[in-house]
N, C-alpha and C. Protein backbone atom coordinates (compact mmCIF):
# COMPACT_ATOMS: atom_id res chain seq x y z
N VAL A 1 174.64 64.37 31.11
CA VAL A 1 174.77 65.45 30.15
C VAL A 1 173.84 65.21 28.97
N ASN A 2 173.80 63.97 28.53
CA ASN A 2 172.97 63.64 27.37
C ASN A 2 171.50 63.87 27.66
N LEU A 3 171.05 63.47 28.82
CA LEU A 3 169.64 63.65 29.16
C LEU A 3 169.27 65.12 29.25
N LEU A 4 170.15 65.92 29.78
CA LEU A 4 169.88 67.36 29.87
C LEU A 4 169.85 68.00 28.49
N ALA A 5 170.76 67.60 27.62
CA ALA A 5 170.84 68.19 26.28
C ALA A 5 169.66 67.76 25.41
N THR A 6 169.28 66.50 25.49
CA THR A 6 168.19 66.03 24.64
C THR A 6 166.83 66.51 25.14
N ALA A 7 166.74 66.89 26.39
CA ALA A 7 165.47 67.39 26.91
C ALA A 7 165.14 68.76 26.34
N SER A 8 166.17 69.56 26.09
CA SER A 8 165.92 70.91 25.58
C SER A 8 166.21 71.06 24.09
N LEU A 9 167.09 70.22 23.55
CA LEU A 9 167.46 70.29 22.14
C LEU A 9 167.28 68.93 21.48
N LYS A 10 167.07 68.93 20.19
CA LYS A 10 167.01 67.67 19.46
C LYS A 10 168.39 67.42 18.87
N ILE A 11 169.24 66.71 19.61
CA ILE A 11 170.58 66.42 19.11
C ILE A 11 170.61 65.03 18.52
N SER A 12 171.59 64.79 17.67
CA SER A 12 171.74 63.49 17.05
C SER A 12 172.48 62.55 18.00
N VAL A 13 171.75 61.64 18.60
CA VAL A 13 172.35 60.69 19.54
C VAL A 13 173.22 59.70 18.77
N HIS A 14 172.87 59.40 17.53
CA HIS A 14 173.70 58.50 16.72
C HIS A 14 175.08 59.10 16.50
N SER A 15 175.13 60.37 16.16
CA SER A 15 176.42 61.03 15.98
C SER A 15 177.19 61.10 17.29
N GLU A 16 176.47 61.32 18.35
CA GLU A 16 177.10 61.39 19.66
C GLU A 16 177.72 60.04 20.05
N LEU A 17 176.99 58.97 19.82
CA LEU A 17 177.49 57.65 20.20
C LEU A 17 178.68 57.21 19.37
N ILE A 18 178.65 57.43 18.06
CA ILE A 18 179.77 57.01 17.23
C ILE A 18 181.01 57.86 17.52
N THR A 19 180.81 59.13 17.83
CA THR A 19 181.94 59.98 18.18
C THR A 19 182.54 59.54 19.50
N THR A 20 181.71 59.18 20.46
CA THR A 20 182.21 58.67 21.74
C THR A 20 183.00 57.39 21.54
N PHE A 21 182.50 56.49 20.70
CA PHE A 21 183.20 55.25 20.41
C PHE A 21 184.56 55.51 19.77
N VAL A 22 184.58 56.36 18.75
CA VAL A 22 185.83 56.62 18.03
C VAL A 22 186.84 57.32 18.94
N MET A 23 186.41 58.32 19.68
CA MET A 23 187.32 59.03 20.57
C MET A 23 187.86 58.12 21.67
N THR A 24 187.01 57.27 22.22
CA THR A 24 187.46 56.34 23.25
C THR A 24 188.46 55.33 22.69
N ALA A 25 188.20 54.83 21.50
CA ALA A 25 189.12 53.88 20.87
C ALA A 25 190.47 54.53 20.60
N ILE A 26 190.45 55.75 20.11
CA ILE A 26 191.71 56.45 19.81
C ILE A 26 192.49 56.73 21.09
N LEU A 27 191.81 57.18 22.11
CA LEU A 27 192.49 57.56 23.35
C LEU A 27 192.93 56.39 24.21
N THR A 28 192.25 55.26 24.11
CA THR A 28 192.62 54.13 24.96
C THR A 28 193.49 53.09 24.27
N VAL A 29 193.26 52.88 22.98
CA VAL A 29 194.02 51.84 22.27
C VAL A 29 195.26 52.42 21.63
N SER A 30 195.06 53.26 20.62
CA SER A 30 196.20 53.82 19.90
C SER A 30 195.72 54.93 18.98
N VAL A 31 196.57 55.87 18.74
CA VAL A 31 196.25 56.96 17.82
C VAL A 31 196.21 56.44 16.38
N SER A 32 196.77 55.27 16.14
CA SER A 32 196.73 54.70 14.79
C SER A 32 195.31 54.33 14.35
N LEU A 33 194.35 54.37 15.27
CA LEU A 33 192.96 54.09 14.93
C LEU A 33 192.22 55.34 14.43
N ILE A 34 192.96 56.35 14.04
CA ILE A 34 192.36 57.60 13.59
C ILE A 34 191.48 57.39 12.36
N TYR A 35 191.73 56.34 11.61
CA TYR A 35 190.92 56.05 10.43
C TYR A 35 189.45 55.78 10.80
N LEU A 36 189.18 55.46 12.04
CA LEU A 36 187.80 55.25 12.48
C LEU A 36 186.97 56.53 12.42
N ALA A 37 187.63 57.67 12.31
CA ALA A 37 186.92 58.95 12.22
C ALA A 37 186.01 59.00 10.99
N VAL A 38 186.28 58.16 10.01
CA VAL A 38 185.42 58.08 8.83
C VAL A 38 184.01 57.65 9.24
N LEU A 39 183.91 56.85 10.29
CA LEU A 39 182.59 56.41 10.77
C LEU A 39 181.74 57.59 11.23
N ILE A 40 182.38 58.58 11.81
CA ILE A 40 181.64 59.77 12.25
C ILE A 40 181.02 60.46 11.05
N LEU A 41 181.80 60.60 9.99
CA LEU A 41 181.29 61.24 8.78
C LEU A 41 180.16 60.42 8.15
N LEU A 42 180.30 59.11 8.13
CA LEU A 42 179.26 58.26 7.55
C LEU A 42 177.95 58.34 8.31
N VAL A 43 178.03 58.33 9.63
CA VAL A 43 176.82 58.42 10.44
C VAL A 43 176.18 59.79 10.28
N ALA A 44 177.00 60.84 10.27
CA ALA A 44 176.47 62.19 10.08
C ALA A 44 175.78 62.31 8.72
N TRP A 45 176.41 61.77 7.69
CA TRP A 45 175.82 61.82 6.35
C TRP A 45 174.49 61.06 6.32
N ALA A 46 174.45 59.89 6.98
CA ALA A 46 173.22 59.09 6.99
C ALA A 46 172.09 59.83 7.70
N ARG A 47 172.40 60.47 8.82
CA ARG A 47 171.36 61.21 9.55
C ARG A 47 170.83 62.38 8.73
N LEU A 48 171.72 63.03 7.99
CA LEU A 48 171.29 64.15 7.14
C LEU A 48 170.52 63.64 5.93
N ARG A 49 170.99 62.56 5.34
CA ARG A 49 170.35 61.99 4.14
C ARG A 49 168.93 61.51 4.45
N LEU A 50 168.75 60.93 5.64
CA LEU A 50 167.42 60.45 6.04
C LEU A 50 166.52 61.59 6.51
N LYS A 51 167.09 62.78 6.57
CA LYS A 51 166.37 63.98 7.04
C LYS A 51 165.84 63.80 8.46
N ALA A 52 166.60 63.06 9.26
CA ALA A 52 166.24 62.86 10.65
C ALA A 52 166.74 64.02 11.51
N HIS A 53 167.79 64.70 11.04
CA HIS A 53 168.39 65.80 11.78
C HIS A 53 168.89 66.86 10.80
N SER A 54 169.11 68.05 11.35
CA SER A 54 169.73 69.12 10.57
C SER A 54 171.23 69.10 10.82
N VAL A 55 171.95 69.92 10.07
CA VAL A 55 173.40 69.98 10.22
C VAL A 55 173.78 70.44 11.63
N SER A 56 173.05 71.38 12.17
CA SER A 56 173.38 71.87 13.51
C SER A 56 173.14 70.81 14.57
N GLU A 57 172.11 70.00 14.42
CA GLU A 57 171.83 68.95 15.39
C GLU A 57 172.90 67.86 15.37
N VAL A 58 173.34 67.50 14.17
CA VAL A 58 174.41 66.50 14.03
C VAL A 58 175.71 67.07 14.58
N SER A 59 176.00 68.32 14.25
CA SER A 59 177.23 68.95 14.73
C SER A 59 177.23 69.08 16.25
N PHE A 60 176.09 69.45 16.81
CA PHE A 60 176.01 69.60 18.26
C PHE A 60 176.22 68.26 18.95
N GLY A 61 175.65 67.20 18.42
CA GLY A 61 175.86 65.87 19.01
C GLY A 61 177.31 65.45 18.98
N THR A 62 177.98 65.72 17.86
CA THR A 62 179.39 65.39 17.74
C THR A 62 180.24 66.20 18.70
N MET A 63 179.99 67.50 18.74
CA MET A 63 180.78 68.36 19.62
C MET A 63 180.54 68.04 21.10
N LEU A 64 179.32 67.72 21.44
CA LEU A 64 179.02 67.35 22.82
C LEU A 64 179.79 66.10 23.23
N ALA A 65 179.84 65.12 22.35
CA ALA A 65 180.58 63.89 22.64
C ALA A 65 182.07 64.16 22.79
N ILE A 66 182.62 65.00 21.93
CA ILE A 66 184.04 65.34 22.01
C ILE A 66 184.35 66.02 23.34
N LEU A 67 183.50 66.96 23.73
CA LEU A 67 183.73 67.67 25.00
C LEU A 67 183.63 66.74 26.20
N VAL A 68 182.64 65.86 26.21
CA VAL A 68 182.47 64.95 27.35
C VAL A 68 183.63 63.96 27.44
N VAL A 69 184.03 63.38 26.30
CA VAL A 69 185.14 62.42 26.32
C VAL A 69 186.43 63.13 26.74
N TYR A 70 186.68 64.31 26.21
CA TYR A 70 187.88 65.06 26.60
C TYR A 70 187.87 65.36 28.10
N PHE A 71 186.74 65.80 28.61
CA PHE A 71 186.64 66.12 30.03
C PHE A 71 186.89 64.89 30.89
N VAL A 72 186.26 63.78 30.59
CA VAL A 72 186.40 62.56 31.39
C VAL A 72 187.84 62.06 31.33
N PHE A 73 188.43 62.03 30.14
CA PHE A 73 189.79 61.53 30.02
C PHE A 73 190.82 62.45 30.66
N SER A 74 190.59 63.75 30.63
CA SER A 74 191.54 64.66 31.26
C SER A 74 191.38 64.66 32.78
N VAL A 75 190.17 64.55 33.28
CA VAL A 75 189.97 64.54 34.73
C VAL A 75 190.54 63.27 35.36
N PHE A 76 190.30 62.14 34.72
CA PHE A 76 190.75 60.87 35.28
C PHE A 76 192.10 60.40 34.75
N GLY A 77 192.69 61.13 33.82
CA GLY A 77 194.01 60.78 33.29
C GLY A 77 194.04 59.43 32.60
N LEU A 78 193.06 59.16 31.75
CA LEU A 78 192.92 57.85 31.13
C LEU A 78 193.60 57.71 29.76
N ALA A 79 194.04 58.79 29.15
CA ALA A 79 194.63 58.72 27.82
C ALA A 79 195.94 57.96 27.87
N THR A 80 196.25 57.19 26.82
CA THR A 80 197.44 56.36 26.79
C THR A 80 198.65 57.07 26.21
N PHE A 81 198.48 58.27 25.70
CA PHE A 81 199.65 58.96 25.11
C PHE A 81 200.11 60.08 25.98
């Protein structure tokens, strides 16, 4: 999915990776790790501050990661709650 999306759009892979990490940690370990969501905001802010990406590119990377993690966890039934 990532290769297809980055071939046609310039998405923020950094935002995508940190969102995947946070979502996976929350879904596999515990919902009490929700405080890790601050990392998503920090990475998004850094990408925007460095002018490496626009708001839509950062948002698209984050949303793509959320959709992929949700799909994988729902198909394989991996969530712990």
